[in-house]
C-alpha atoms as a PDB file:
ATOM      1  CA  UNK A   1     114.975 -36.576 146.061  1.00  0.00           C
ATOM      2  CA  UNK A   2     116.904 -33.742 144.435  1.00  0.00           C
ATOM      3  CA  UNK A   3     113.668 -32.072 143.268  1.00  0.00           C
ATOM      4  CA  UNK A   4     112.159 -32.338 146.737  1.00  0.00           C
ATOM      5  CA  UNK A   5     115.308 -30.836 148.230  1.00  0.00           C
ATOM      6  CA  UNK A   6     115.247 -27.895 145.792  1.00  0.00           C
ATOM      7  CA  UNK A   7     111.596 -27.162 146.506  1.00  0.00           C
ATOM      8  CA  UNK A   8     112.159 -27.359 150.245  1.00  0.00           C
ATOM      9  CA  UNK A   9     115.182 -25.070 150.027  1.00  0.00           C
ATOM     10  CA  UNK A  10     113.312 -22.581 147.866  1.00  0.00           C
ATOM     11  CA  UNK A  11     110.301 -22.415 150.157  1.00  0.00           C
ATOM     12  CA  UNK A  12     112.445 -22.069 153.255  1.00  0.00           C
ATOM     13  CA  UNK A  13     114.152 -18.999 151.829  1.00  0.00           C
ATOM     14  CA  UNK A  14     111.145 -17.324 150.202  1.00  0.00           C
ATOM     15  CA  UNK A  15     109.678 -14.191 151.798  1.00  0.00           C
ATOM     16  CA  UNK A  16     106.120 -14.355 153.072  1.00  0.00           C
ATOM     17  CA  UNK A  17     104.685 -12.283 150.202  1.00  0.00           C
ATOM     18  CA  UNK A  18     105.576 -12.790 146.559  1.00  0.00           C
ATOM     19  CA  UNK A  19     106.284  -9.766 144.422  1.00  0.00           C
ATOM     20  CA  UNK A  20     108.619  -7.890 142.083  1.00  0.00           C
ATOM     21  CA  UNK A  21     112.320  -7.851 143.010  1.00  0.00           C
ATOM     22  CA  UNK A  22     111.833 -10.948 145.157  1.00  0.00           C
ATOM     23  CA  UNK A  23     115.000 -13.045 145.394  1.00  0.00           C
ATOM     24  CA  UNK A  24     114.775 -16.830 145.028  1.00  0.00           C
ATOM     25  CA  UNK A  25     117.867 -19.070 145.160  1.00  0.00           C
ATOM     26  CA  UNK A  26     116.443 -21.818 142.919  1.00  0.00           C
ATOM     27  CA  UNK A  27     113.267 -22.255 140.896  1.00  0.00           C
ATOM     28  CA  UNK A  28     112.264 -25.556 139.321  1.00  0.00           C
ATOM     29  CA  UNK A  29     109.677 -25.886 136.562  1.00  0.00           C
ATOM     30  CA  UNK A  30     109.305 -29.468 135.421  1.00  0.00           C
ATOM     31  CA  UNK A  31     112.792 -30.772 134.612  1.00  0.00           C
ATOM     32  CA  UNK A  32     114.336 -27.281 134.300  1.00  0.00           C
ATOM     33  CA  UNK A  33     116.059 -25.632 137.255  1.00  0.00           C
ATOM     34  CA  UNK A  34     116.908 -21.918 137.376  1.00  0.00           C
ATOM     35  CA  UNK A  35     119.265 -20.380 139.944  1.00  0.00           C
ATOM     36  CA  UNK A  36     119.800 -16.896 141.405  1.00  0.00           C
ATOM     37  CA  UNK A  37     116.283 -15.742 140.535  1.00  0.00           C
ATOM     38  CA  UNK A  38     115.061 -12.156 140.762  1.00  0.00           C
ATOM     39  CA  UNK A  39     111.320 -11.943 140.117  1.00  0.00           C
ATOM     40  CA  UNK A  40     110.350  -9.008 137.901  1.00  0.00           C
ATOM     41  CA  UNK A  41     106.634  -9.591 137.238  1.00  0.00           C
ATOM     42  CA  UNK A  42     103.972 -12.100 138.242  1.00  0.00           C
ATOM     43  CA  UNK A  43     100.921 -12.295 135.976  1.00  0.00           C
ATOM     44  CA  UNK A  44      97.868 -14.509 136.145  1.00  0.00           C
ATOM     45  CA  UNK A  45      99.666 -17.136 134.056  1.00  0.00           C
ATOM     46  CA  UNK A  46     103.429 -16.617 134.347  1.00  0.00           C
ATOM     47  CA  UNK A  47     106.244 -15.548 136.601  1.00  0.00           C
ATOM     48  CA  UNK A  48     108.891 -13.447 134.821  1.00  0.00           C
ATOM     49  CA  UNK A  49     112.416 -13.195 136.158  1.00  0.00           C
ATOM     50  CA  UNK A  50     116.088 -12.690 135.588  1.00  0.00           C
ATOM     51  CA  UNK A  51     118.460 -15.473 136.592  1.00  0.00           C
ATOM     52  CA  UNK A  52     122.070 -16.618 136.340  1.00  0.00           C
ATOM     53  CA  UNK A  53     121.613 -17.467 132.646  1.00  0.00           C
ATOM     54  CA  UNK A  54     119.822 -14.281 131.576  1.00  0.00           C
ATOM     55  CA  UNK A  55     116.045 -13.848 131.673  1.00  0.00           C
ATOM     56  CA  UNK A  56     113.099 -16.196 131.511  1.00  0.00           C
ATOM     57  CA  UNK A  57     109.538 -16.946 132.425  1.00  0.00           C
ATOM     58  CA  UNK A  58     107.640 -20.078 133.409  1.00  0.00           C
ATOM     59  CA  UNK A  59     103.992 -20.971 133.545  1.00  0.00           C
ATOM     60  CA  UNK A  60     102.619 -20.943 137.064  1.00  0.00           C
ATOM     61  CA  UNK A  61     100.674 -24.111 136.276  1.00  0.00           C
ATOM     62  CA  UNK A  62     104.009 -25.917 135.802  1.00  0.00           C
ATOM     63  CA  UNK A  63     105.282 -25.076 139.285  1.00  0.00           C
ATOM     64  CA  UNK A  64     104.870 -27.142 142.430  1.00  0.00           C
ATOM     65  CA  UNK A  65     101.620 -26.679 144.431  1.00  0.00           C
ATOM     66  CA  UNK A  66     103.620 -24.882 147.129  1.00  0.00           C
ATOM     67  CA  UNK A  67     105.053 -22.357 144.671  1.00  0.00           C
ATOM     68  CA  UNK A  68     101.679 -21.917 142.984  1.00  0.00           C
ATOM     69  CA  UNK A  69     100.232 -20.985 146.354  1.00  0.00           C
ATOM     70  CA  UNK A  70     103.146 -18.655 147.033  1.00  0.00           C
ATOM     71  CA  UNK A  71     102.507 -16.806 143.764  1.00  0.00           C
ATOM     72  CA  UNK A  72      98.707 -16.747 144.341  1.00  0.00           C
ATOM     73  CA  UNK A  73      98.008 -18.899 141.302  1.00  0.00           C
ATOM     74  CA  UNK A  74      94.316 -19.056 140.351  1.00  0.00           C
ATOM     75  CA  UNK A  75      93.807 -21.866 137.787  1.00  0.00           C
ATOM     76  CA  UNK A  76      90.391 -20.599 136.713  1.00  0.00           C
ATOM     77  CA  UNK A  77      91.611 -17.060 136.097  1.00  0.00           C
ATOM     78  CA  UNK A  78      94.748 -18.307 134.330  1.00  0.00           C
ATOM     79  CA  UNK A  79      92.662 -20.485 132.020  1.00  0.00           C
ATOM     80  CA  UNK A  80      90.440 -17.510 131.130  1.00  0.00           C
ATOM     81  CA  UNK A  81      93.466 -15.326 130.370  1.00  0.00           C
ATOM     82  CA  UNK A  82      95.132 -17.991 128.222  1.00  0.00           C
ATOM     83  CA  UNK A  83      91.889 -18.595 126.348  1.00  0.00           C
ATOM     84  CA  UNK A  84      91.533 -14.869 125.628  1.00  0.00           C
ATOM     85  CA  UNK A  85      95.170 -14.636 124.513  1.00  0.00           C
ATOM     86  CA  UNK A  86      94.684 -17.577 122.140  1.00  0.00           C
ATOM     87  CA  UNK A  87      91.524 -16.008 120.701  1.00  0.00           C
ATOM     88  CA  UNK A  88      93.271 -12.662 120.198  1.00  0.00           C
ATOM     89  CA  UNK A  89      96.230 -14.327 118.486  1.00  0.00           C
ATOM     90  CA  UNK A  90      93.963 -16.351 116.205  1.00  0.00           C
ATOM     91  CA  UNK A  91      91.916 -13.270 115.334  1.00  0.00           C
ATOM     92  CA  UNK A  92      95.058 -11.266 114.565  1.00  0.00           C
ATOM     93  CA  UNK A  93      96.506 -13.916 112.246  1.00  0.00           C
ATOM     94  CA  UNK A  94      93.126 -14.403 110.584  1.00  0.00           C
ATOM     95  CA  UNK A  95      92.999 -10.675 109.843  1.00  0.00           C
ATOM     96  CA  UNK A  96      96.450 -10.875 108.255  1.00  0.00           C
ATOM     97  CA  UNK A  97      95.474 -13.836 106.087  1.00  0.00           C
ATOM     98  CA  UNK A  98      92.204 -12.328 104.868  1.00  0.00           C
ATOM     99  CA  UNK A  99      93.060  -8.659 104.586  1.00  0.00           C
ATOM    100  CA  UNK A 100      92.322  -7.173 101.154  1.00  0.00           C
ATOM    101  CA  UNK A 101      95.166  -6.381  98.791  1.00  0.00           C
ATOM    102  CA  UNK A 102      95.415  -2.589  98.577  1.00  0.00           C
ATOM    103  CA  UNK A 103      98.113  -0.264  97.258  1.00  0.00           C
ATOM    104  CA  UNK A 104     100.798   0.687  99.812  1.00  0.00           C
ATOM    105  CA  UNK A 105     100.431   4.074 101.533  1.00  0.00           C
ATOM    106  CA  UNK A 106     102.274   7.072 100.094  1.00  0.00           C
ATOM    107  CA  UNK A 107     104.704   7.586 102.975  1.00  0.00           C
ATOM    108  CA  UNK A 108     107.022  10.101 101.282  1.00  0.00           C
ATOM    109  CA  UNK A 109     105.132  11.157  98.159  1.00  0.00           C
ATOM    110  CA  UNK A 110     107.516   8.865  96.300  1.00  0.00           C
ATOM    111  CA  UNK A 111     105.484   5.822  95.174  1.00  0.00           C
ATOM    112  CA  UNK A 112     107.049   2.396  95.645  1.00  0.00           C
ATOM    113  CA  UNK A 113     107.596   0.332  92.544  1.00  0.00           C
ATOM    114  CA  UNK A 114     105.335  -2.600  91.785  1.00  0.00           C
ATOM    115  CA  UNK A 115     108.177  -4.962  92.734  1.00  0.00           C
ATOM    116  CA  UNK A 116     109.025  -3.182  96.007  1.00  0.00           C
ATOM    117  CA  UNK A 117     106.888  -4.182  99.015  1.00  0.00           C
ATOM    118  CA  UNK A 118     105.774  -1.442 101.355  1.00  0.00           C
ATOM    119  CA  UNK A 119     108.025  -2.583 104.197  1.00  0.00           C
ATOM    120  CA  UNK A 120     111.083  -2.338 101.963  1.00  0.00           C
ATOM    121  CA  UNK A 121     109.993   1.051 100.685  1.00  0.00           C
ATOM    122  CA  UNK A 122     109.634   2.344 104.246  1.00  0.00           C
ATOM    123  CA  UNK A 123     112.964   0.863 105.342  1.00  0.00           C
ATOM    124  CA  UNK A 124     114.781   2.357 102.342  1.00  0.00           C
ATOM    125  CA  UNK A 125     113.281   5.734 103.201  1.00  0.00           C
ATOM    126  CA  UNK A 126     114.544   5.469 106.787  1.00  0.00           C
ATOM    127  CA  UNK A 127     118.036   4.433 105.658  1.00  0.00           C
ATOM    128  CA  UNK A 128     118.149   7.341 103.241  1.00  0.00           C
ATOM    129  CA  UNK A 129     117.133   9.717 106.032  1.00  0.00           C
ATOM    130  CA  UNK A 130     119.775   8.221 108.339  1.00  0.00           C
ATOM    131  CA  UNK A 131     122.475   8.789 105.730  1.00  0.00           C
ATOM    132  CA  UNK A 132     121.406  12.391 105.200  1.00  0.00           C
ATOM    133  CA  UNK A 133     121.448  13.084 108.963  1.00  0.00           C
ATOM    134  CA  UNK A 134     124.579  11.024 109.724  1.00  0.00           C
ATOM    135  CA  UNK A 135     122.632   8.745 112.086  1.00  0.00           C
ATOM    136  CA  UNK A 136     121.982   5.042 112.579  1.00  0.00           C
ATOM    137  CA  UNK A 137     118.598   3.267 112.379  1.00  0.00           C
ATOM    138  CA  UNK A 138     117.233   1.476 115.443  1.00  0.00           C
ATOM    139  CA  UNK A 139     114.254  -0.833 114.869  1.00  0.00           C
ATOM    140  CA  UNK A 140     112.291  -1.966 117.934  1.00  0.00           C
ATOM    141  CA  UNK A 141     110.185  -5.093 117.320  1.00  0.00           C
ATOM    142  CA  UNK A 142     107.678  -5.201 120.166  1.00  0.00           C
ATOM    143  CA  UNK A 143     104.385  -6.517 121.482  1.00  0.00           C
ATOM    144  CA  UNK A 144     103.558  -3.273 123.245  1.00  0.00           C
ATOM    145  CA  UNK A 145     100.270  -4.186 124.920  1.00  0.00           C
ATOM    146  CA  UNK A 146     100.748  -7.849 125.893  1.00  0.00           C
ATOM    147  CA  UNK A 147     104.451  -8.703 126.349  1.00  0.00           C
ATOM    148  CA  UNK A 148     105.526  -8.055 129.941  1.00  0.00           C
ATOM    149  CA  UNK A 149     109.165  -7.815 128.851  1.00  0.00           C
ATOM    150  CA  UNK A 150     108.358  -5.278 126.118  1.00  0.00           C
ATOM    151  CA  UNK A 151     106.300  -3.173 128.523  1.00  0.00           C
ATOM    152  CA  UNK A 152     109.081  -3.288 131.118  1.00  0.00           C
ATOM    153  CA  UNK A 153     111.751  -2.380 128.519  1.00  0.00           C
ATOM    154  CA  UNK A 154     109.595   0.504 127.244  1.00  0.00           C
ATOM    155  CA  UNK A 155     109.111   1.895 130.735  1.00  0.00           C
ATOM    156  CA  UNK A 156     112.675   1.508 131.967  1.00  0.00           C
ATOM    157  CA  UNK A 157     114.679   2.220 128.803  1.00  0.00           C
ATOM    158  CA  UNK A 158     113.016   3.297 125.559  1.00  0.00           C
ATOM    159  CA  UNK A 159     110.624   5.744 127.213  1.00  0.00           C
ATOM    160  CA  UNK A 160     113.206   7.310 129.517  1.00  0.00           C
ATOM    161  CA  UNK A 161     114.243  10.969 129.028  1.00  0.00           C
ATOM    162  CA  UNK A 162     117.901   9.948 128.729  1.00  0.00           C
ATOM    163  CA  UNK A 163     117.250   7.510 125.896  1.00  0.00           C
ATOM    164  CA  UNK A 164     114.929   9.981 124.149  1.00  0.00           C
ATOM    165  CA  UNK A 165     117.798  12.479 124.134  1.00  0.00           C
ATOM    166  CA  UNK A 166     120.107   9.807 122.729  1.00  0.00           C
ATOM    167  CA  UNK A 167     117.614   9.036 119.947  1.00  0.00           C
ATOM    168  CA  UNK A 168     117.422  12.696 118.960  1.00  0.00           C
ATOM    169  CA  UNK A 169     121.194  12.912 118.746  1.00  0.00           C
ATOM    170  CA  UNK A 170     122.230   9.576 117.224  1.00  0.00           C
ATOM    171  CA  UNK A 171     119.314   7.558 115.851  1.00  0.00           C
ATOM    172  CA  UNK A 172     116.424   7.265 113.461  1.00  0.00           C
ATOM    173  CA  UNK A 173     114.046   5.201 115.609  1.00  0.00           C
ATOM    174  CA  UNK A 174     111.171   3.067 114.336  1.00  0.00           C
ATOM    175  CA  UNK A 175     108.832   0.844 116.340  1.00  0.00           C
ATOM    176  CA  UNK A 176     107.456  -2.273 114.651  1.00  0.00           C
ATOM    177  CA  UNK A 177     104.568  -3.285 116.865  1.00  0.00           C
ATOM    178  CA  UNK A 178     102.538  -6.495 117.030  1.00  0.00           C
ATOM    179  CA  UNK A 179      99.798  -5.633 119.546  1.00  0.00           C
ATOM    180  CA  UNK A 180      96.948  -7.889 120.596  1.00  0.00           C
ATOM    181  CA  UNK A 181      94.518  -5.236 121.812  1.00  0.00           C
ATOM    182  CA  UNK A 182      95.373  -2.159 119.716  1.00  0.00           C
ATOM    183  CA  UNK A 183      93.885  -1.615 116.270  1.00  0.00           C
ATOM    184  CA  UNK A 184      96.218  -1.181 113.291  1.00  0.00           C
ATOM    185  CA  UNK A 185      95.562  -0.469 109.638  1.00  0.00           C
ATOM    186  CA  UNK A 186      95.940  -3.323 107.180  1.00  0.00           C
ATOM    187  CA  UNK A 187      98.835  -1.525 105.495  1.00  0.00           C
ATOM    188  CA  UNK A 188     100.697  -1.157 108.783  1.00  0.00           C
ATOM    189  CA  UNK A 189     100.145  -4.823 109.692  1.00  0.00           C
ATOM    190  CA  UNK A 190     101.440  -5.930 106.313  1.00  0.00           C
ATOM    191  CA  UNK A 191     104.491  -3.686 106.547  1.00  0.00           C
ATOM    192  CA  UNK A 192     105.284  -4.909 110.073  1.00  0.00           C
ATOM    193  CA  UNK A 193     105.021  -8.571 109.076  1.00  0.00           C
ATOM    194  CA  UNK A 194     107.311  -7.929 106.117  1.00  0.00           C
ATOM    195  CA  UNK A 195     109.962  -6.330 108.325  1.00  0.00           C
ATOM    196  CA  UNK A 196     109.740  -9.111 110.925  1.00  0.00           C
ATOM    197  CA  UNK A 197     110.113 -11.777 108.235  1.00  0.00           C
ATOM    198  CA  UNK A 198     113.038  -9.956 106.643  1.00  0.00           C
ATOM    199  CA  UNK A 199     114.962  -9.722 109.931  1.00  0.00           C
ATOM    200  CA  UNK A 200     113.862 -13.208 111.107  1.00  0.00           C
ATOM    201  CA  UNK A 201     112.311 -11.974 114.357  1.00  0.00           C
ATOM    202  CA  UNK A 202     111.207 -14.749 116.737  1.00  0.00           C
ATOM    203  CA  UNK A 203     111.148 -13.016 120.163  1.00  0.00           C
ATOM    204  CA  UNK A 204     109.929  -9.712 121.554  1.00  0.00           C
ATOM    205  CA  UNK A 205     111.385  -7.286 122.283  1.00  0.00           C
ATOM    206  CA  UNK A 206     114.144  -7.385 119.675  1.00  0.00           C
ATOM    207  CA  UNK A 207     116.074  -4.224 118.836  1.00  0.00           C
ATOM    208  CA  UNK A 208     118.219  -4.099 115.686  1.00  0.00           C
ATOM    209  CA  UNK A 209     120.800  -1.411 114.887  1.00  0.00           C
ATOM    210  CA  UNK A 210     121.527  -0.673 111.201  1.00  0.00           C
ATOM    211  CA  UNK A 211     123.956   1.643 109.479  1.00  0.00           C
ATOM    212  CA  UNK A 212     122.688   3.823 106.584  1.00  0.00           C
ATOM    213  CA  UNK A 213     123.659   1.116 104.073  1.00  0.00           C
ATOM    214  CA  UNK A 214     121.299  -1.332 105.768  1.00  0.00           C
ATOM    215  CA  UNK A 215     124.073  -3.416 107.337  1.00  0.00           C
ATOM    216  CA  UNK A 216     123.069  -4.935 110.690  1.00  0.00           C
ATOM    217  CA  UNK A 217     125.520  -3.776 113.355  1.00  0.00           C
ATOM    218  CA  UNK A 218     123.962  -5.782 116.176  1.00  0.00           C
ATOM    219  CA  UNK A 219     120.753  -6.851 117.862  1.00  0.00           C
ATOM    220  CA  UNK A 220     119.472  -7.075 121.422  1.00  0.00           C
ATOM    221  CA  UNK A 221     116.983  -9.908 121.890  1.00  0.00           C
ATOM    222  CA  UNK A 222     114.804  -9.797 124.983  1.00  0.00           C
ATOM    223  CA  UNK A 223     114.666  -7.535 127.990  1.00  0.00           C
ATOM    224  CA  UNK A 224     117.976  -5.931 128.983  1.00  0.00           C
ATOM    225  CA  UNK A 225     118.147  -4.920 132.665  1.00  0.00           C
ATOM    226  CA  UNK A 226     120.126  -1.905 133.836  1.00  0.00           C
ATOM    227  CA  UNK A 227     118.216   1.064 132.410  1.00  0.00           C
ATOM    228  CA  UNK A 228     119.115   3.391 129.523  1.00  0.00           C
ATOM    229  CA  UNK A 229     122.841   3.606 130.355  1.00  0.00           C
ATOM    230  CA  UNK A 230     123.354  -0.129 129.793  1.00  0.00           C
ATOM    231  CA  UNK A 231     121.402  -0.163 126.531  1.00  0.00           C
ATOM    232  CA  UNK A 232     123.169   2.937 125.202  1.00  0.00           C
ATOM    233  CA  UNK A 233     126.509   1.320 126.048  1.00  0.00           C
ATOM    234  CA  UNK A 234     125.500  -1.804 124.139  1.00  0.00           C
ATOM    235  CA  UNK A 235     124.454   0.210 121.071  1.00  0.00           C
ATOM    236  CA  UNK A 236     127.739   2.118 121.145  1.00  0.00           C
ATOM    237  CA  UNK A 237     129.548  -1.218 121.325  1.00  0.00           C
ATOM    238  CA  UNK A 238     127.667  -2.468 118.239  1.00  0.00           C
ATOM    239  CA  UNK A 239     128.780   0.624 116.335  1.00  0.00           C
ATOM    240  CA  UNK A 240     132.454   0.127 117.284  1.00  0.00           C
ATOM    241  CA  UNK A 241     132.659  -3.462 116.024  1.00  0.00           C
END
């Protein structure tokens, strides 16, 4: 009865056309209920949103038939997209497992030692540069061409003129990307995996702020709404702790 009531209430208050910035009082997916929803993106497979508890996304196939219709859910198209995503993910991991062992690239004309993996060599170089320039290091772990939250964060925050100016003044910025449709060299893939393992990354986007000694000052996991001002304020707060 409670589920039926929530669905009825949701549908009664929904606008006629679904889209970004749509407000929904409650959204139920299976046994999970979200409240105070603001829709940010609707893809062929998922609806992405912010809600009272932060941010989230649910599979359209897990919604009620009425909500699926509201969000123009096409099961055939969704199945094709999910199949392609699974194939791309499998292909990517297969490439990582079977890539040939080659020497690390000479990033600074200072060769890494045999015991120092390329990711550590690159990170040490960045920390050294940060110390010399009296800056901090910001690492952005992202899925730039498939994660809706990463794309949204790039557009609204990281790619904004205001944040670019902040980077130039305060940060050494590095992007650690795990794309599904963009080619990368084997060395870059290996370095990115090493960094992600080292920092125990499980979600994208994740931004980590380091001081020149390598100490982690703080991390932002997931999309942060509010534009560059909010993110800059958070980074400044990390540095004051």
